[in-house]
Amino acid sequence: MIGVGLSGMTLMNQDRTNQQTSSLIGKIFSVKGRNQSKETEVSISSSEGQYDLPLEPLLYRGVSTKVPSENLSFRVFVATWNVGGKSPDRKLDLDDILQVREESDIYVLGFQEVVPLNAGNVLVIEDNEPAAKWLALINQSLNKAHNVPLRGPRSIASSGGSLVFQKTSLRKVSKAFRTESKRRLKSCNCPTDLERKNGKEFCFRCPQSQTNENEFSSEEDEDGSSNFDTNQIKYGLVACKQMVGIFLTVWMRKELVQHVSHLRISCVGRGILGCLGNKGCISVSMIFHKTSFCFLCCHLASGEKEGDELRRNVDVVEILRNTQFPGICRTSGSRVPEKILDHDRVIWLGDLNYRIALSYSDTGKLLKEEAWDALYDKDQLKIEREAGRVFKGWKEGKIYFAPTYKYSDNSDSYAGETVETKSKRRTPAWCDRILWRGSKIYQLSYERKESRFSDHRPVCATFWVSVEATEDGSRKR
């Protein structure tokens, strides 16, 4: 008994010594970091609490800085926009919506109704020409100073940087904007059990396990080099996928794309018959450095009648249940996630279609007073979340902006405010939302943008996201 006690005391002393040493090392590194970077601490408020994080220089002008804890922090910009089935022209400027001056590291951009939701698009063949135009517009904004002509006869960017829309497929356009091949991004870079045992380095271009290629985006399966001179562009396309009117695209700084692996895409239809793609969700799963990410873009059931919110709740439940990412990892016991909630960081964006549980007239009175808190108390998504019926464990930033739906054509007035638009009247609502789940995600902004292009206003959010990296912060190749 005495021997056991002495042994326990010895272990306790060792633990205490280790803790003191660790604390001292932490202080040394902390002081060093502050002296080198002169970073200041700020408090970020949100509806979920207070977050303390270093604002500078985690990303000085968007360039990520390594910290002693082997974590990297990145600025992630997220936007969702229901574009009302309208195809863009080359004059549409996305600079303000994408906040290009802020120079984020990652852009996650989701659209709804990129095509009209008619029987032809839903039941017959998907029109991907508008999605290709949106992709070209995004590239023009993100790579404005780096726009160069495409090689070959089918160009969509002139030498002056202005767009020339020529009829082409989404597959060819997406291929043009990638800095890494789709096959490379899908690849598994995990060490095999034998490599782990022998202590070998990760094999970056390892053979993939058997997967169902149909689960991946057909627009991106075509391999080969980009038509752009990738040395002259700043952001590369990581993923894009269209399902009828839903369109999700992910971009990254060119130098960060090499750290992406296990890229997979899953689609769940929740429209006609409960399975077609006029409503539903597109999900992108990937490993970035050593942290798993999932980005979801959805369009849920519409309707402002009492009880319609329950249909939207069911859509969320079914999306979480049915979204499945195919296993591509060759390592037994791998933690590469196959379900949405298995990921380390998850961001859900889209036209969730939740309405305000008030009459049109009562909502109008509160709108005139800009009584956002009173309106938000009647928001269906807030009510359903607080009741634990949907999005349990998810977070959303505080809303300090006017409802984003429904506007009259090319107007700042809500539909129904004039005699001409009375037939299209809808109670204004915050249909367009961005939520997140997981640790080490800090929301910096949550706002709407002012574009009259559609009957919805785009909604944007910016996040600091911490990512676990390898020892030297680089990818094993």
Foldseek 3Di string as FASTA:
>chain_A
DVVVVVVVVVVVVVVVVVVVVVVVVVVVQVVVVCVVWVWDWDWFDFPVGIDIDTPPDCPDLQNHDQGPVQKIKFKEKEWEEELQQDQDDQPDACCVVRVLSSPTFKYKYKYFNLHPPDCCCFPPHNDCLSVLVVLLNVQCNNFVVLDDFFPDDDTQAHRNSGGDRDDDGLLLSLQQQAQAALVLLQDDQDDAPVCVVVVHHTDSRDDWDDDDCVQAAPSRPDTDHHRDPVVRGFKGWRDWHDARGMIITMIGGSVQSNQKYNWTKHWADCPVVGGINSWTKIKIWIARANFIEIEMETAFDADDDPPSVVRLLVRQVVNQVPQFTIDTYPYPPDQRDGTQVSGQKYKYWYQSRWFFPDDQVVLVVCVVVLVVVVRVVRTPVVVCQVVVSHPPQKDFGDDSDFAFDFCDQLDPHHQCPDPVRVVVHDRGGNRTGMIMHHPQKAKNDWAWDDDRSHRGTMIMTMIIHMHRHPPVRDDDD
